[in-house]
Amino acid sequence: MQRDILSEINQNNMSRYQWFVIVVCVCLNIIDGFDVMVMAFTAPSVSAEWSLSGAQIGLLLSAGLFGMAAGSIFLAPLADKIGRRLLILICLAIAGISMLACGLVHSHSMLAALRFVTGIGVGGILASSNVLASEYANLRWRSLAVSLMSTGYGIGATLGGILSLLLIEHLGWRSIFLAGGVTTVVMLLVSLWLLPESLDYLLAKKPKQALEKINLTVQRIGLVRLNALPQHEKNTQQHSSDIAKLFQGKQGFQTLCLWFAFFLVMFGFYFVMSWTPKILIAMGMSPSQGVTTGILISIGGVFGAAIIGLLASRIKIFHALSLFLGLTAVCVWLFVAVSSQVSIALMVGLLLGTLINGCVAGLYSISPTIYDADIRSRGVGYAIGFGRIGAILSPTVAGIFLDKGLAPSTLYAYYGIVFILAIFLILSLSKAFYRQKEGLGSSIKTVA
């Protein structure tokens, strides 16, 4: 009888090696969080050195996000051909070299170009590392594994902020990029040594020495070795067919709700994460206080994913996310109102970081549930890609509004409305999802 290794992994208890692989993937996300968000913490110093306008700073903040979208769309699919491990190694090299180069530039245009290149590497890493973490977790702990990936991003952003406080005053903003580049190269070496290949890839593509690599991983997990490669078939439907399935019947409404929810949440998220330190400094905080508030927002993100996960174990994830979105809107409006009182602003910043990162984690948790297995990866990937359009536009739009003289308090109020609009999309998605689920249940009972 043919063995199904992937089913065995799903049903068995987690081994130490599986947790180890997930920890490595979390570390990859920590590197990503640092590399992407470091621009937000260095923006005040970069702006001061080159006398940049709000639009120019917005371009620098958006360049990395634009690169992330390009990396997800154009690089990530290569993982199915060359393997997830090799793609991660290539993307780490791209991100590491470009980060080091960022520390040597002498113009904002060159810095923007290199931030784009860094984003390409980060986009490829994010796509493949999330798949690896999900794949090496069993069915019971898969949601926790995905949540841990989200916390890694917050940890990396927090470390970027702390290093900014420690290094910029003494060594300048370029030292932060150099530190990030060195760390990324070290992670490249660690991954080259310790990161395993995707079992799904090895079983499906059967590259050279596939059986030996599978057995090495299987032994580390604690399963019995394979004597021969099993026949592992993959769904080979045409891409156009898969895309059409996303919009068939009632599925189309759910897809659109999910896409625009991702767009709105990412639009608000990257405004808060990218612009907050500079706006607070412009409103009267010292540079160190502004950066400290940004750090606290990132620290809050470490806990946001875990909290919404625990809440979702008691109520429906759609309702948990709607609650987080509403509280985030209130917190955004409150944040600017208390900015003159530093101690209160720091506490509100921590709460804001917890809530807004929980919103992103909630969307990541919801998106796989609304698609069948044969279109799940494509459905989730396109939703994230559509959301990144909002991430790309957000910092630049904010910079243009500020250049036109819009008050920061008014700008924050506008962005708070974004999260309220997202609530209506999530509740509409919830209603459609459960209605379809009940319809399928009735159909099954009728057939039975």
Protein backbone atom coordinates (compact mmCIF):
# COMPACT_ATOMS: atom_id res chain seq x y z
CA MET A 1 0.00 0.00 0.00
CA GLN A 2 1.36 3.43 -0.99
CA ARG A 3 2.25 5.71 1.90
CA ASP A 4 1.14 9.32 2.06
CA ILE A 5 3.92 11.14 3.90
CA LEU A 6 2.10 14.47 3.91
CA SER A 7 -0.98 12.91 5.54
CA GLU A 8 1.24 11.29 8.16
CA ILE A 9 2.76 14.67 8.99
CA ASN A 10 -0.73 16.20 9.23
CA GLN A 11 -2.02 13.57 11.66
CA ASN A 12 1.06 12.84 13.83
CA ASN A 13 2.29 14.88 16.78
CA MET A 14 4.78 17.64 16.09
CA SER A 15 8.43 16.63 16.42
CA ARG A 16 11.24 18.85 17.65
CA TYR A 17 12.60 19.04 14.11
CA GLN A 18 9.28 20.35 12.75
CA TRP A 19 9.26 23.11 15.38
CA PHE A 20 12.88 23.83 14.50
CA VAL A 21 12.00 24.36 10.82
CA ILE A 22 9.17 26.70 11.84
CA VAL A 23 11.59 28.68 14.05
CA VAL A 24 13.97 29.06 11.08
CA CYS A 25 11.05 30.33 8.99
CA VAL A 26 10.12 32.78 11.76
CA CYS A 27 13.74 34.04 11.71
CA LEU A 28 13.38 34.60 7.95
CA ASN A 29 10.32 36.71 8.68
CA ILE A 30 12.26 38.64 11.34
CA ILE A 31 14.85 39.51 8.68
CA ASP A 32 12.03 40.54 6.33
CA GLY A 33 10.41 42.76 8.97
CA PHE A 34 13.72 44.48 9.66
CA ASP A 35 14.59 44.96 5.97
CA VAL A 36 11.16 46.36 5.02
CA MET A 37 10.42 48.61 8.01
CA VAL A 38 13.92 50.02 8.56
CA MET A 39 13.11 52.79 6.07
CA ALA A 40 10.34 54.07 8.37
CA PHE A 41 12.80 54.53 11.24
CA THR A 42 15.55 56.10 9.12
CA ALA A 43 13.17 58.39 7.17
CA PRO A 44 13.59 61.44 9.49
CA SER A 45 17.40 61.28 9.23
CA VAL A 46 17.37 60.63 5.47
CA SER A 47 14.93 63.50 4.96
CA ALA A 48 17.07 65.87 7.03
CA GLU A 49 20.28 65.01 5.17
CA TRP A 50 18.86 65.46 1.66
CA SER A 51 16.05 67.98 2.44
CA LEU A 52 13.40 65.71 0.94
CA SER A 53 9.73 66.59 0.43
CA GLY A 54 6.88 64.49 1.75
CA ALA A 55 6.31 62.98 -1.69
CA GLN A 56 9.98 61.98 -1.97
CA ILE A 57 9.91 60.33 1.46
CA GLY A 58 6.67 58.60 0.46
CA LEU A 59 8.41 57.26 -2.64
CA LEU A 60 11.24 55.85 -0.51
CA LEU A 61 8.72 54.20 1.82
CA SER A 62 6.71 52.76 -1.08
CA ALA A 63 9.70 51.50 -3.11
CA GLY A 64 10.32 48.49 -0.87
CA LEU A 65 6.61 47.61 -0.84
CA PHE A 66 6.45 47.84 -4.63
CA GLY A 67 9.44 45.50 -4.79
CA MET A 68 7.67 43.08 -2.43
CA ALA A 69 4.70 42.92 -4.78
CA ALA A 70 7.01 42.32 -7.76
CA GLY A 71 8.89 39.61 -5.86
CA SER A 72 5.64 37.84 -4.91
CA ILE A 73 4.28 37.96 -8.45
CA PHE A 74 7.39 37.25 -10.52
CA LEU A 75 9.89 35.46 -8.25
CA ALA A 76 7.72 33.37 -5.93
CA PRO A 77 6.23 31.18 -8.72
CA LEU A 78 9.78 30.02 -9.56
CA ALA A 79 9.73 28.03 -6.30
CA ASP A 80 7.55 25.45 -8.05
CA LYS A 81 10.31 24.91 -10.62
CA ILE A 82 13.57 25.25 -8.68
CA GLY A 83 12.40 24.48 -5.13
CA ARG A 84 11.43 26.71 -2.22
CA ARG A 85 14.77 26.34 -0.46
CA LEU A 86 16.81 27.50 -3.47
CA LEU A 87 14.46 30.41 -4.08
CA ILE A 88 14.77 31.52 -0.44
CA LEU A 89 18.58 31.39 -0.70
CA ILE A 90 18.55 33.45 -3.92
CA CYS A 91 16.18 36.02 -2.40
CA LEU A 92 18.27 36.28 0.78
CA ALA A 93 21.30 37.05 -1.41
CA ILE A 94 19.34 39.73 -3.30
CA ALA A 95 18.05 41.33 -0.10
CA GLY A 96 21.42 41.15 1.69
CA ILE A 97 23.48 42.68 -1.11
CA SER A 98 20.95 45.46 -1.78
CA MET A 99 20.71 46.32 1.93
CA LEU A 100 24.51 46.66 2.13
CA ALA A 101 24.44 48.86 -0.97
CA CYS A 102 21.78 51.10 0.64
CA GLY A 103 24.38 52.06 3.24
CA LEU A 104 26.70 53.40 0.55
CA VAL A 105 24.39 55.58 -1.58
CA HIS A 106 24.55 59.36 -1.93
CA SER A 107 21.18 60.19 -3.54
CA HIS A 108 17.56 59.49 -2.69
CA SER A 109 16.85 58.16 -6.20
CA MET A 110 19.54 55.48 -5.87
CA LEU A 111 18.26 54.63 -2.39
CA ALA A 112 14.73 54.22 -3.79
CA ALA A 113 16.02 51.91 -6.54
CA LEU A 114 17.88 49.75 -4.03
CA ARG A 115 14.84 49.68 -1.71
CA PHE A 116 12.88 48.29 -4.66
CA VAL A 117 15.49 45.55 -5.16
CA THR A 118 15.41 44.71 -1.45
CA GLY A 119 11.63 44.42 -1.66
CA ILE A 120 11.92 41.94 -4.53
CA GLY A 121 14.04 39.67 -2.35
CA VAL A 122 11.73 40.07 0.65
CA GLY A 123 8.64 39.28 -1.45
CA GLY A 124 10.15 36.01 -2.60
CA ILE A 125 11.21 35.05 0.93
CA LEU A 126 7.81 35.79 2.44
CA ALA A 127 5.92 33.65 -0.06
CA SER A 128 8.16 30.59 0.28
CA SER A 129 8.84 30.75 4.03
CA ASN A 130 5.12 30.92 4.83
CA VAL A 131 4.51 27.82 2.71
CA LEU A 132 7.36 25.96 4.42
CA ALA A 133 6.10 26.81 7.90
CA SER A 134 2.58 25.70 7.02
CA GLU A 135 3.83 22.53 5.35
CA TYR A 136 6.05 21.37 8.20
CA ALA A 137 3.32 21.93 10.80
CA ASN A 138 0.69 19.28 11.46
CA LEU A 139 -3.01 19.97 11.06
CA ARG A 140 -3.52 20.85 14.73
CA TRP A 141 -0.73 23.43 14.98
CA ARG A 142 -0.82 24.90 11.46
CA SER A 143 -2.75 28.02 12.51
CA LEU A 144 -0.25 28.70 15.29
CA ALA A 145 2.61 28.30 12.82
CA VAL A 146 1.06 30.93 10.54
CA SER A 147 0.52 33.24 13.52
CA LEU A 148 4.14 32.83 14.59
CA MET A 149 5.20 33.90 11.10
CA SER A 150 3.24 37.14 11.59
CA THR A 151 4.95 37.80 14.93
CA GLY A 152 8.36 37.42 13.29
CA TYR A 153 7.65 40.43 11.09
CA GLY A 154 6.83 42.52 14.16
CA ILE A 155 9.97 41.37 15.94
CA GLY A 156 12.10 42.37 12.96
CA ALA A 157 10.49 45.80 12.74
CA THR A 158 11.02 46.27 16.49
CA LEU A 159 14.71 45.37 16.23
CA GLY A 160 15.05 47.86 13.37
CA GLY A 161 13.62 50.61 15.56
CA ILE A 162 15.83 49.75 18.54
CA LEU A 163 18.96 49.73 16.37
CA SER A 164 17.90 53.10 14.96
CA LEU A 165 17.82 54.57 18.45
CA LEU A 166 21.20 53.08 19.32
CA LEU A 167 23.14 53.70 16.11
CA ILE A 168 21.80 56.68 14.15
CA GLU A 169 22.91 59.34 16.62
CA HIS A 170 26.48 58.02 16.74
CA LEU A 171 27.03 56.34 13.34
CA GLY A 172 24.36 57.84 11.08
CA TRP A 173 21.39 56.26 9.27
CA ARG A 174 23.59 54.32 6.85
CA SER A 175 24.77 52.10 9.71
CA ILE A 176 21.23 50.68 10.07
CA PHE A 177 21.20 49.46 6.47
CA LEU A 178 24.70 48.02 6.82
CA ALA A 179 23.65 46.17 9.99
CA GLY A 180 20.58 44.82 8.20
CA GLY A 181 22.65 43.71 5.22
CA VAL A 182 25.17 41.87 7.39
CA THR A 183 22.35 40.17 9.34
CA THR A 184 20.65 39.08 6.11
CA VAL A 185 23.89 37.60 4.76
CA VAL A 186 24.36 35.71 8.06
CA MET A 187 20.80 34.38 7.70
CA LEU A 188 21.69 33.27 4.18
CA LEU A 189 24.55 31.18 5.56
CA VAL A 190 22.33 29.75 8.33
CA SER A 191 19.63 28.83 5.81
CA LEU A 192 22.20 27.26 3.47
CA TRP A 193 23.23 25.02 6.37
CA LEU A 194 19.94 24.28 8.15
CA LEU A 195 16.91 25.00 5.95
CA PRO A 196 15.35 21.84 4.41
CA GLU A 197 13.60 21.61 1.06
CA SER A 198 9.83 21.47 0.77
CA LEU A 199 8.61 17.85 0.98
CA ASP A 200 5.71 18.74 -1.28
CA TYR A 201 8.15 19.97 -3.93
CA LEU A 202 10.38 16.89 -3.63
CA LEU A 203 7.42 14.52 -3.90
CA ALA A 204 5.82 16.37 -6.81
CA LYS A 205 8.85 17.28 -8.95
CA LYS A 206 11.18 14.40 -8.00
CA PRO A 207 14.47 16.23 -8.69
CA LYS A 208 17.85 14.50 -8.46
CA GLN A 209 18.44 12.77 -5.11
CA ALA A 210 14.83 13.44 -4.13
CA LEU A 211 14.47 10.12 -2.28
CA GLU A 212 17.65 10.71 -0.25
CA LYS A 213 16.54 14.24 0.70
CA ILE A 214 13.04 13.07 1.61
CA ASN A 215 14.36 10.24 3.78
CA LEU A 216 16.78 12.56 5.57
CA THR A 217 13.91 14.91 6.48
CA VAL A 218 11.52 12.05 7.27
CA GLN A 219 14.06 10.53 9.69
CA ARG A 220 14.52 13.87 11.45
CA ILE A 221 10.76 14.14 11.85
CA GLY A 222 10.65 10.63 13.31
CA LEU A 223 8.86 8.77 10.51
CA VAL A 224 9.87 5.55 8.76
CA ARG A 225 12.07 5.89 5.67
CA LEU A 226 10.63 5.40 2.19
CA ASN A 227 11.93 2.55 0.03
CA ALA A 228 10.84 4.29 -3.17
CA LEU A 229 9.28 7.54 -4.25
CA PRO A 230 5.48 7.38 -4.08
CA GLN A 231 3.32 8.41 -6.99
CA HIS A 232 2.36 11.93 -5.98
CA GLU A 233 0.00 13.63 -8.40
CA LYS A 234 -0.58 17.35 -8.53
CA ASN A 235 -3.58 19.17 -9.90
CA THR A 236 -2.44 20.44 -13.32
CA GLN A 237 -5.42 22.55 -14.34
CA GLN A 238 -4.77 25.56 -16.51
CA HIS A 239 -4.15 28.88 -14.81
CA SER A 240 -7.12 30.45 -16.56
CA SER A 241 -9.36 27.74 -15.16
CA ASP A 242 -8.07 28.39 -11.65
CA ILE A 243 -8.62 32.14 -11.97
CA ALA A 244 -12.14 31.57 -13.26
CA LYS A 245 -12.91 29.40 -10.21
CA LEU A 246 -12.21 32.37 -7.95
CA PHE A 247 -15.21 34.15 -9.49
CA GLN A 248 -17.61 31.27 -10.14
CA GLY A 249 -21.08 31.86 -8.72
CA LYS A 250 -21.16 33.07 -5.12
CA GLN A 251 -17.39 32.56 -4.84
CA GLY A 252 -16.86 35.73 -6.87
CA PHE A 253 -18.52 37.94 -4.25
CA GLN A 254 -16.39 36.41 -1.49
CA THR A 255 -13.23 36.88 -3.55
CA LEU A 256 -13.98 40.57 -4.16
CA CYS A 257 -14.80 41.17 -0.48
CA LEU A 258 -11.52 39.52 0.53
CA TRP A 259 -9.46 41.42 -2.05
CA PHE A 260 -10.78 44.84 -1.07
CA ALA A 261 -10.55 44.03 2.65
CA PHE A 262 -6.87 43.24 2.12
CA PHE A 263 -6.46 46.47 0.13
CA LEU A 264 -8.03 48.65 2.83
CA VAL A 265 -6.27 47.01 5.78
CA MET A 266 -2.86 47.10 4.06
CA PHE A 267 -3.51 50.71 3.02
CA GLY A 268 -4.09 51.70 6.64
CA PHE A 269 -1.44 49.39 8.09
CA TYR A 270 1.46 50.71 6.02
CA PHE A 271 0.47 54.33 6.64
CA VAL A 272 0.63 53.78 10.40
CA MET A 273 3.82 51.73 10.26
CA SER A 274 5.67 53.95 7.75
CA TRP A 275 4.67 57.53 8.58
CA THR A 276 4.03 57.60 12.34
CA PRO A 277 7.60 58.37 13.54
CA LYS A 278 8.07 61.28 11.11
CA ILE A 279 4.58 62.74 11.68
CA LEU A 280 4.99 62.66 15.47
CA ILE A 281 8.37 64.39 15.20
CA ALA A 282 6.79 67.05 12.96
CA MET A 283 4.06 67.54 15.59
CA GLY A 284 6.59 68.33 18.30
CA MET A 285 8.04 65.07 19.62
CA SER A 286 11.80 64.67 19.73
CA PRO A 287 13.33 62.28 17.16
CA SER A 288 13.99 59.68 19.86
CA GLN A 289 10.39 59.92 21.15
CA GLY A 290 8.97 59.56 17.63
CA VAL A 291 11.10 56.51 16.90
CA THR A 292 10.29 55.04 20.33
CA THR A 293 6.58 55.30 19.55
CA GLY A 294 7.19 53.55 16.24
CA ILE A 295 9.05 50.80 18.10
CA LEU A 296 6.15 50.32 20.50
CA ILE A 297 3.74 49.97 17.57
CA SER A 298 6.00 47.22 16.22
CA ILE A 299 6.24 45.56 19.65
CA GLY A 300 2.45 45.52 19.83
CA GLY A 301 2.45 43.65 16.56
CA VAL A 302 4.28 40.74 18.17
CA PHE A 303 1.26 40.14 20.41
CA GLY A 304 -1.53 41.09 17.99
CA ALA A 305 -1.50 37.86 15.98
CA ALA A 306 -1.50 35.67 19.09
CA ILE A 307 -4.34 37.62 20.72
CA ILE A 308 -6.65 37.47 17.70
CA GLY A 309 -5.85 33.75 17.40
CA LEU A 310 -6.93 33.15 21.00
CA LEU A 311 -10.05 35.27 20.52
CA ALA A 312 -10.94 33.35 17.37
CA SER A 313 -10.94 30.11 19.37
CA ARG A 314 -13.98 31.45 21.28
CA ILE A 315 -15.88 33.42 18.62
CA LYS A 316 -15.99 33.31 14.82
CA ILE A 317 -12.80 34.65 13.23
CA PHE A 318 -14.89 37.06 11.10
CA HIS A 319 -16.37 38.62 14.24
CA ALA A 320 -12.99 38.70 16.00
CA LEU A 321 -11.47 40.52 13.01
CA SER A 322 -14.39 42.98 12.83
CA LEU A 323 -13.86 43.80 16.52
CA PHE A 324 -10.14 44.38 15.93
CA LEU A 325 -10.89 46.62 12.92
CA GLY A 326 -13.32 48.77 14.93
CA LEU A 327 -10.93 49.15 17.84
CA THR A 328 -8.10 49.98 15.42
CA ALA A 329 -10.15 52.82 13.92
CA VAL A 330 -10.86 54.24 17.39
CA CYS A 331 -7.18 53.90 18.34
CA VAL A 332 -6.02 55.69 15.16
CA TRP A 333 -8.35 58.62 15.91
CA LEU A 334 -7.24 58.69 19.54
CA PHE A 335 -3.54 58.46 18.72
CA VAL A 336 -3.08 61.96 17.30
CA ALA A 337 -5.35 63.49 19.94
CA VAL A 338 -3.00 62.34 22.73
CA SER A 339 0.28 62.88 20.84
CA SER A 340 1.12 65.97 22.91
CA GLN A 341 1.21 63.81 26.05
CA VAL A 342 4.15 61.54 25.36
CA SER A 343 3.52 58.91 28.04
CA ILE A 344 -0.10 58.41 26.96
CA ALA A 345 0.89 58.42 23.27
CA LEU A 346 3.38 55.63 23.95
CA MET A 347 0.69 53.47 25.59
CA VAL A 348 -1.80 54.15 22.79
CA GLY A 349 0.95 53.37 20.26
CA LEU A 350 1.51 49.97 21.86
CA LEU A 351 -2.23 49.25 21.76
CA LEU A 352 -2.46 50.47 18.16
CA GLY A 353 0.37 48.16 17.11
CA THR A 354 -1.35 45.20 18.78
CA LEU A 355 -4.69 45.89 17.10
CA ILE A 356 -3.49 46.80 13.61
CA ASN A 357 -1.15 43.79 13.35
CA GLY A 358 -3.96 41.59 14.63
CA CYS A 359 -6.08 42.83 11.72
CA VAL A 360 -3.47 41.65 9.21
CA ALA A 361 -3.09 38.29 10.98
CA GLY A 362 -6.87 37.88 10.99
CA LEU A 363 -7.03 38.36 7.22
CA TYR A 364 -4.28 35.77 6.75
CA SER A 365 -6.32 33.35 8.89
CA ILE A 366 -9.58 33.95 7.01
CA SER A 367 -8.31 33.84 3.44
CA PRO A 368 -7.53 30.08 3.18
CA THR A 369 -10.93 29.10 4.62
CA ILE A 370 -13.03 30.55 1.82
CA TYR A 371 -11.35 28.57 -0.98
CA ASP A 372 -11.32 24.87 -1.85
CA ALA A 373 -7.96 23.11 -1.75
CA ASP A 374 -7.45 23.12 -5.53
CA ILE A 375 -7.54 26.94 -5.77
CA ARG A 376 -6.50 27.89 -2.23
CA SER A 377 -2.90 28.95 -2.94
CA ARG A 378 -3.88 31.00 -5.97
CA GLY A 379 -6.82 32.61 -4.15
CA VAL A 380 -4.76 33.58 -1.11
CA GLY A 381 -1.82 34.74 -3.24
CA TYR A 382 -3.93 37.03 -5.40
CA ALA A 383 -5.68 38.48 -2.34
CA ILE A 384 -2.32 39.33 -0.75
CA GLY A 385 -1.06 40.74 -4.04
CA PHE A 386 -4.14 42.98 -4.36
CA GLY A 387 -3.59 44.09 -0.76
CA ARG A 388 -0.04 45.09 -1.56
CA ILE A 389 -1.34 47.57 -4.10
CA GLY A 390 -2.82 49.38 -1.10
CA ALA A 391 0.48 49.03 0.73
CA ILE A 392 2.35 50.56 -2.21
CA LEU A 393 -0.04 53.49 -2.63
CA SER A 394 -0.50 54.35 1.05
CA PRO A 395 2.81 56.01 2.00
CA THR A 396 2.95 58.04 -1.22
CA VAL A 397 -0.67 59.20 -0.92
CA ALA A 398 0.00 60.29 2.66
CA GLY A 399 3.11 62.21 1.59
CA ILE A 400 1.18 64.06 -1.14
CA PHE A 401 -1.59 65.06 1.31
CA LEU A 402 0.97 66.32 3.83
CA ASP A 403 2.75 68.34 1.14
CA LYS A 404 -0.58 70.00 0.32
CA GLY A 405 -0.85 71.16 3.92
CA LEU A 406 -3.33 68.64 5.33
CA ALA A 407 -3.08 68.51 9.12
CA PRO A 408 -1.72 65.20 10.50
CA SER A 409 -4.78 64.85 12.76
CA THR A 410 -7.08 65.11 9.73
CA LEU A 411 -4.95 62.63 7.79
CA TYR A 412 -5.14 60.10 10.65
CA ALA A 413 -8.92 60.58 10.77
CA TYR A 414 -9.18 59.73 7.07
CA TYR A 415 -7.11 56.60 7.54
CA GLY A 416 -9.27 55.59 10.51
CA ILE A 417 -12.30 55.53 8.20
CA VAL A 418 -10.48 52.95 6.06
CA PHE A 419 -10.74 50.38 8.87
CA ILE A 420 -14.46 51.07 9.33
CA LEU A 421 -15.06 50.37 5.64
CA ALA A 422 -13.15 47.11 6.01
CA ILE A 423 -15.61 45.98 8.74
CA PHE A 424 -18.51 46.08 6.28
CA LEU A 425 -16.52 43.97 3.81
CA ILE A 426 -15.61 41.38 6.44
CA LEU A 427 -19.18 41.10 7.75
CA SER A 428 -20.48 40.78 4.18
CA LEU A 429 -17.87 38.10 3.51
CA SER A 430 -18.88 36.29 6.70
CA LYS A 431 -22.54 36.28 5.73
CA ALA A 432 -21.81 34.96 2.23
CA PHE A 433 -19.35 32.36 3.53
CA TYR A 434 -21.70 30.82 6.09
CA ARG A 435 -24.64 30.96 3.71
CA GLN A 436 -22.63 29.00 1.15
CA LYS A 437 -21.46 26.59 3.84
CA GLU A 438 -25.03 25.94 4.96
CA GLY A 439 -26.04 25.41 1.33
CA LEU A 440 -23.31 22.82 0.86
CA GLY A 441 -24.38 21.09 4.07
CA SER A 442 -27.96 20.90 2.89
CA SER A 443 -26.85 19.49 -0.45
CA ILE A 444 -24.82 16.77 1.26
CA LYS A 445 -27.78 15.82 3.47
CA THR A 446 -30.06 15.66 0.43
CA VAL A 447 -27.64 13.39 -1.44
CA ALA A 448 -27.24 11.21 1.65
